[in-house]
Amino acid sequence: MKVNERKVRLTELILRCLVCALALFAAVLIVTDTQVREIFTIQKKAKYTDMKALVFLVVVNGIAAAYSLVHVVRCVVGMMKGSVLFSKPLAWTIFSGDQAIAYLTVAGLAAAAQSAAFAKLGQPELQWMKICTMYGKFCNQVGEGIGVALLASIGMVLISCISALGLFRLYGGNKALQSSRW
């Protein structure tokens, strides 16, 4: 049991490090993306703040990166001290925080993906034009940022599963074995 617990904690640490790095990388990719296009004599600059869904995605990824960094420190300290989860309230807090961040990352990703679909495909019924035909470089880099954010979101969902395992392990464990005896 000790070996499995150590593997789970190591997996959680690795996933939290990956989520921190991926979320930060996705935010940087999107924030640094700009493209200037000259239409007649007027210069139009595309930037992430033009699409509120991208602003939301950047904020959510920043929150996810900071949250993951805090928990990386908690995981490292826990591994060095050799302690597992300390109490049920702490386990509930970690589980709730992980759930909230996982849902936030999925929501930010969904909003950005919907906006990207409108930018790429347009909406002829509403006479919305395809923006990506004019700002190809901008759209490509945003697409890369959304792809990296997808990986961070998947990692956050996996972390949420691990924290659920840690929480529900505190409630079950040996009780089932003891009650099944005649």
C-alpha atoms as a PDB file:
ATOM      1  CA  MET A   1       0.000   0.000   0.000  1.00  0.00           C
ATOM      2  CA  LYS A   2       2.872   2.342   0.785  1.00  0.00           C
ATOM      3  CA  VAL A   3       4.338   1.870  -2.709  1.00  0.00           C
ATOM      4  CA  ASN A   4       0.989   2.643  -4.394  1.00  0.00           C
ATOM      5  CA  GLU A   5       0.511   5.734  -2.241  1.00  0.00           C
ATOM      6  CA  ARG A   6       3.954   6.976  -3.207  1.00  0.00           C
ATOM      7  CA  LYS A   7       3.224   6.408  -6.916  1.00  0.00           C
ATOM      8  CA  VAL A   8      -0.055   8.322  -6.649  1.00  0.00           C
ATOM      9  CA  ARG A   9       1.658  11.251  -4.906  1.00  0.00           C
ATOM     10  CA  LEU A  10       4.456  11.280  -7.493  1.00  0.00           C
ATOM     11  CA  THR A  11       1.904  11.187 -10.326  1.00  0.00           C
ATOM     12  CA  GLU A  12       0.018  14.072  -8.726  1.00  0.00           C
ATOM     13  CA  LEU A  13       3.230  16.084  -8.414  1.00  0.00           C
ATOM     14  CA  ILE A  14       4.180  15.463 -12.040  1.00  0.00           C
ATOM     15  CA  LEU A  15       0.680  16.335 -13.273  1.00  0.00           C
ATOM     16  CA  ARG A  16       0.590  19.534 -11.218  1.00  0.00           C
ATOM     17  CA  CYS A  17       3.983  20.581 -12.623  1.00  0.00           C
ATOM     18  CA  LEU A  18       2.756  19.855 -16.158  1.00  0.00           C
ATOM     19  CA  VAL A  19      -0.483  21.775 -15.643  1.00  0.00           C
ATOM     20  CA  CYS A  20       1.441  24.733 -14.239  1.00  0.00           C
ATOM     21  CA  ALA A  21       3.842  24.791 -17.195  1.00  0.00           C
ATOM     22  CA  LEU A  22       1.191  24.139 -19.862  1.00  0.00           C
ATOM     23  CA  ALA A  23      -1.278  26.699 -18.514  1.00  0.00           C
ATOM     24  CA  LEU A  24       1.453  29.310 -18.303  1.00  0.00           C
ATOM     25  CA  PHE A  25       2.679  28.467 -21.807  1.00  0.00           C
ATOM     26  CA  ALA A  26      -0.867  28.688 -23.226  1.00  0.00           C
ATOM     27  CA  ALA A  27      -1.398  32.084 -21.597  1.00  0.00           C
ATOM     28  CA  VAL A  28       1.925  33.394 -22.928  1.00  0.00           C
ATOM     29  CA  LEU A  29       1.189  32.091 -26.436  1.00  0.00           C
ATOM     30  CA  ILE A  30      -2.122  33.908 -26.535  1.00  0.00           C
ATOM     31  CA  VAL A  31      -0.994  37.139 -24.828  1.00  0.00           C
ATOM     32  CA  THR A  32       2.020  37.622 -27.087  1.00  0.00           C
ATOM     33  CA  ASP A  33       0.035  37.004 -30.261  1.00  0.00           C
ATOM     34  CA  THR A  34      -0.561  40.030 -32.481  1.00  0.00           C
ATOM     35  CA  GLN A  35      -0.766  40.657 -36.190  1.00  0.00           C
ATOM     36  CA  VAL A  36      -0.987  43.962 -38.049  1.00  0.00           C
ATOM     37  CA  ARG A  37      -2.767  44.098 -41.363  1.00  0.00           C
ATOM     38  CA  GLU A  38      -2.983  47.110 -43.606  1.00  0.00           C
ATOM     39  CA  ILE A  39      -6.316  47.638 -45.301  1.00  0.00           C
ATOM     40  CA  PHE A  40      -5.962  50.429 -47.837  1.00  0.00           C
ATOM     41  CA  THR A  41      -4.036  52.937 -45.711  1.00  0.00           C
ATOM     42  CA  ILE A  42      -5.488  51.960 -42.335  1.00  0.00           C
ATOM     43  CA  GLN A  43      -3.592  49.599 -40.092  1.00  0.00           C
ATOM     44  CA  LYS A  44      -5.663  47.101 -38.127  1.00  0.00           C
ATOM     45  CA  LYS A  45      -4.010  45.202 -35.290  1.00  0.00           C
ATOM     46  CA  ALA A  46      -5.406  41.877 -34.088  1.00  0.00           C
ATOM     47  CA  LYS A  47      -4.691  41.071 -30.446  1.00  0.00           C
ATOM     48  CA  TYR A  48      -6.135  38.726 -27.872  1.00  0.00           C
ATOM     49  CA  THR A  49      -8.040  41.493 -26.071  1.00  0.00           C
ATOM     50  CA  ASP A  50     -10.264  41.848 -29.146  1.00  0.00           C
ATOM     51  CA  MET A  51     -11.933  38.534 -28.229  1.00  0.00           C
ATOM     52  CA  LYS A  52     -13.278  38.391 -24.685  1.00  0.00           C
ATOM     53  CA  ALA A  53     -13.231  34.592 -24.743  1.00  0.00           C
ATOM     54  CA  LEU A  54      -9.450  34.708 -25.205  1.00  0.00           C
ATOM     55  CA  VAL A  55      -9.128  37.152 -22.307  1.00  0.00           C
ATOM     56  CA  PHE A  56     -11.150  34.710 -20.180  1.00  0.00           C
ATOM     57  CA  LEU A  57      -8.934  31.812 -21.294  1.00  0.00           C
ATOM     58  CA  VAL A  58      -5.768  33.744 -20.397  1.00  0.00           C
ATOM     59  CA  VAL A  59      -7.135  34.640 -16.945  1.00  0.00           C
ATOM     60  CA  VAL A  60      -8.272  31.069 -16.282  1.00  0.00           C
ATOM     61  CA  ASN A  61      -4.906  29.665 -17.370  1.00  0.00           C
ATOM     62  CA  GLY A  62      -3.125  32.153 -15.116  1.00  0.00           C
ATOM     63  CA  ILE A  63      -5.276  31.081 -12.182  1.00  0.00           C
ATOM     64  CA  ALA A  64      -4.705  27.392 -12.983  1.00  0.00           C
ATOM     65  CA  ALA A  65      -0.929  27.918 -13.204  1.00  0.00           C
ATOM     66  CA  ALA A  66      -0.798  29.779  -9.875  1.00  0.00           C
ATOM     67  CA  TYR A  67      -3.057  27.225  -8.181  1.00  0.00           C
ATOM     68  CA  SER A  68      -0.952  24.350  -9.498  1.00  0.00           C
ATOM     69  CA  LEU A  69       2.255  26.035  -8.346  1.00  0.00           C
ATOM     70  CA  VAL A  70       0.895  26.360  -4.807  1.00  0.00           C
ATOM     71  CA  HIS A  71      -0.025  22.682  -4.815  1.00  0.00           C
ATOM     72  CA  VAL A  72       3.357  21.685  -6.254  1.00  0.00           C
ATOM     73  CA  VAL A  73       4.902  23.224  -3.145  1.00  0.00           C
ATOM     74  CA  ARG A  74       2.347  21.401  -0.957  1.00  0.00           C
ATOM     75  CA  CYS A  75       3.113  18.089  -2.691  1.00  0.00           C
ATOM     76  CA  VAL A  76       6.881  18.530  -2.346  1.00  0.00           C
ATOM     77  CA  VAL A  77       6.595  19.409   1.340  1.00  0.00           C
ATOM     78  CA  GLY A  78       4.251  16.448   1.880  1.00  0.00           C
ATOM     79  CA  MET A  79       6.663  14.076   0.153  1.00  0.00           C
ATOM     80  CA  MET A  80       9.628  15.382   2.142  1.00  0.00           C
ATOM     81  CA  LYS A  81       7.788  15.046   5.457  1.00  0.00           C
ATOM     82  CA  GLY A  82       6.347  11.708   4.428  1.00  0.00           C
ATOM     83  CA  SER A  83       2.801  12.633   5.361  1.00  0.00           C
ATOM     84  CA  VAL A  84      -0.251  11.892   3.265  1.00  0.00           C
ATOM     85  CA  LEU A  85      -3.477  13.853   3.641  1.00  0.00           C
ATOM     86  CA  PHE A  86      -3.701  15.378   7.063  1.00  0.00           C
ATOM     87  CA  SER A  87      -7.440  15.604   7.646  1.00  0.00           C
ATOM     88  CA  LYS A  88     -10.827  15.302   6.024  1.00  0.00           C
ATOM     89  CA  PRO A  89     -11.376  19.093   5.910  1.00  0.00           C
ATOM     90  CA  LEU A  90      -8.056  19.565   4.081  1.00  0.00           C
ATOM     91  CA  ALA A  91      -8.921  16.742   1.680  1.00  0.00           C
ATOM     92  CA  TRP A  92     -12.304  18.369   0.995  1.00  0.00           C
ATOM     93  CA  THR A  93     -10.634  21.740   0.416  1.00  0.00           C
ATOM     94  CA  ILE A  94      -8.129  20.279  -2.055  1.00  0.00           C
ATOM     95  CA  PHE A  95     -10.853  18.290  -3.814  1.00  0.00           C
ATOM     96  CA  SER A  96     -13.148  21.335  -4.077  1.00  0.00           C
ATOM     97  CA  GLY A  97     -10.343  23.558  -5.344  1.00  0.00           C
ATOM     98  CA  ASP A  98      -9.281  20.991  -7.921  1.00  0.00           C
ATOM     99  CA  GLN A  99     -12.874  20.592  -9.097  1.00  0.00           C
ATOM    100  CA  ALA A 100     -13.351  24.356  -9.393  1.00  0.00           C
ATOM    101  CA  ILE A 101     -10.138  24.839 -11.372  1.00  0.00           C
ATOM    102  CA  ALA A 102     -10.924  21.858 -13.618  1.00  0.00           C
ATOM    103  CA  TYR A 103     -14.366  23.282 -14.404  1.00  0.00           C
ATOM    104  CA  LEU A 104     -12.906  26.741 -14.986  1.00  0.00           C
ATOM    105  CA  THR A 105     -10.297  25.436 -17.420  1.00  0.00           C
ATOM    106  CA  VAL A 106     -12.918  23.446 -19.325  1.00  0.00           C
ATOM    107  CA  ALA A 107     -15.230  26.498 -19.458  1.00  0.00           C
ATOM    108  CA  GLY A 108     -12.436  28.787 -20.653  1.00  0.00           C
ATOM    109  CA  LEU A 109     -11.423  26.258 -23.256  1.00  0.00           C
ATOM    110  CA  ALA A 110     -14.994  25.840 -24.516  1.00  0.00           C
ATOM    111  CA  ALA A 111     -15.516  29.598 -24.818  1.00  0.00           C
ATOM    112  CA  ALA A 112     -12.229  30.078 -26.661  1.00  0.00           C
ATOM    113  CA  ALA A 113     -12.896  27.135 -28.973  1.00  0.00           C
ATOM    114  CA  GLN A 114     -16.322  28.541 -29.864  1.00  0.00           C
ATOM    115  CA  SER A 115     -14.840  31.946 -30.624  1.00  0.00           C
ATOM    116  CA  ALA A 116     -12.085  30.323 -32.666  1.00  0.00           C
ATOM    117  CA  ALA A 117     -14.687  28.418 -34.668  1.00  0.00           C
ATOM    118  CA  PHE A 118     -16.479  31.681 -35.486  1.00  0.00           C
ATOM    119  CA  ALA A 119     -13.155  33.281 -36.444  1.00  0.00           C
ATOM    120  CA  LYS A 120     -12.208  30.364 -38.673  1.00  0.00           C
ATOM    121  CA  LEU A 121     -15.579  29.549 -40.261  1.00  0.00           C
ATOM    122  CA  GLY A 122     -17.513  32.800 -39.920  1.00  0.00           C
ATOM    123  CA  GLN A 123     -21.299  32.828 -39.613  1.00  0.00           C
ATOM    124  CA  PRO A 124     -22.871  33.517 -43.016  1.00  0.00           C
ATOM    125  CA  GLU A 125     -26.422  33.735 -41.639  1.00  0.00           C
ATOM    126  CA  LEU A 126     -25.369  36.684 -39.457  1.00  0.00           C
ATOM    127  CA  GLN A 127     -22.974  38.061 -42.081  1.00  0.00           C
ATOM    128  CA  TRP A 128     -19.945  37.467 -39.848  1.00  0.00           C
ATOM    129  CA  MET A 129     -16.868  37.128 -41.983  1.00  0.00           C
ATOM    130  CA  LYS A 130     -14.017  34.660 -41.648  1.00  0.00           C
ATOM    131  CA  ILE A 131     -11.418  36.591 -39.668  1.00  0.00           C
ATOM    132  CA  CYS A 132      -8.743  33.942 -40.085  1.00  0.00           C
ATOM    133  CA  THR A 133      -8.526  34.585 -43.814  1.00  0.00           C
ATOM    134  CA  MET A 134      -7.269  38.076 -42.975  1.00  0.00           C
ATOM    135  CA  TYR A 135      -5.242  37.304 -39.845  1.00  0.00           C
ATOM    136  CA  GLY A 136      -3.790  33.865 -40.532  1.00  0.00           C
ATOM    137  CA  LYS A 137      -0.706  34.110 -38.297  1.00  0.00           C
ATOM    138  CA  PHE A 138      -2.798  35.401 -35.422  1.00  0.00           C
ATOM    139  CA  CYS A 139      -5.301  32.570 -35.775  1.00  0.00           C
ATOM    140  CA  ASN A 140      -2.575  29.924 -35.996  1.00  0.00           C
ATOM    141  CA  GLN A 141      -0.907  31.071 -32.788  1.00  0.00           C
ATOM    142  CA  VAL A 142      -4.260  31.311 -30.986  1.00  0.00           C
ATOM    143  CA  GLY A 143      -4.982  27.769 -32.171  1.00  0.00           C
ATOM    144  CA  GLU A 144      -1.682  26.609 -30.716  1.00  0.00           C
ATOM    145  CA  GLY A 145      -2.537  28.346 -27.445  1.00  0.00           C
ATOM    146  CA  ILE A 146      -5.939  26.673 -27.346  1.00  0.00           C
ATOM    147  CA  GLY A 147      -4.296  23.294 -28.041  1.00  0.00           C
ATOM    148  CA  VAL A 148      -1.867  23.749 -25.162  1.00  0.00           C
ATOM    149  CA  ALA A 149      -4.747  24.927 -22.946  1.00  0.00           C
ATOM    150  CA  LEU A 150      -6.583  21.707 -23.872  1.00  0.00           C
ATOM    151  CA  LEU A 151      -3.646  19.663 -22.562  1.00  0.00           C
ATOM    152  CA  ALA A 152      -3.589  21.730 -19.350  1.00  0.00           C
ATOM    153  CA  SER A 153      -7.329  21.219 -18.943  1.00  0.00           C
ATOM    154  CA  ILE A 154      -7.026  17.446 -19.393  1.00  0.00           C
ATOM    155  CA  GLY A 155      -4.236  17.435 -16.804  1.00  0.00           C
ATOM    156  CA  MET A 156      -6.430  19.384 -14.394  1.00  0.00           C
ATOM    157  CA  VAL A 157      -9.268  16.897 -14.842  1.00  0.00           C
ATOM    158  CA  LEU A 158      -6.853  14.038 -14.081  1.00  0.00           C
ATOM    159  CA  ILE A 159      -5.621  15.873 -10.975  1.00  0.00           C
ATOM    160  CA  SER A 160      -9.239  16.297  -9.925  1.00  0.00           C
ATOM    161  CA  CYS A 161      -9.694  12.518 -10.200  1.00  0.00           C
ATOM    162  CA  ILE A 162      -6.603  11.935  -8.063  1.00  0.00           C
ATOM    163  CA  SER A 163      -7.830  14.327  -5.371  1.00  0.00           C
ATOM    164  CA  ALA A 164     -11.231  12.571  -5.429  1.00  0.00           C
ATOM    165  CA  LEU A 165      -9.418   9.276  -4.907  1.00  0.00           C
ATOM    166  CA  GLY A 166      -7.506  10.765  -1.979  1.00  0.00           C
ATOM    167  CA  LEU A 167     -10.666  12.179  -0.425  1.00  0.00           C
ATOM    168  CA  PHE A 168     -12.826   9.088  -0.764  1.00  0.00           C
ATOM    169  CA  ARG A 169     -10.015   6.875   0.454  1.00  0.00           C
ATOM    170  CA  LEU A 170     -10.389   8.619   3.833  1.00  0.00           C
ATOM    171  CA  TYR A 171     -14.037   7.514   4.024  1.00  0.00           C
ATOM    172  CA  GLY A 172     -13.823   3.895   2.908  1.00  0.00           C
ATOM    173  CA  GLY A 173     -10.681   1.956   3.456  1.00  0.00           C
ATOM    174  CA  ASN A 174     -11.002  -0.834   5.984  1.00  0.00           C
ATOM    175  CA  LYS A 175     -14.650  -0.194   6.930  1.00  0.00           C
ATOM    176  CA  ALA A 176     -15.902  -2.330   4.049  1.00  0.00           C
ATOM    177  CA  LEU A 177     -13.640  -5.214   5.052  1.00  0.00           C
ATOM    178  CA  GLN A 178     -14.731  -5.042   8.685  1.00  0.00           C
ATOM    179  CA  SER A 179     -18.477  -4.897   7.906  1.00  0.00           C
ATOM    180  CA  SER A 180     -18.298  -7.812   5.478  1.00  0.00           C
ATOM    181  CA  ARG A 181     -17.184 -10.251   8.192  1.00  0.00           C
ATOM    182  CA  TRP A 182     -19.874 -12.510   9.643  1.00  0.00           C
END
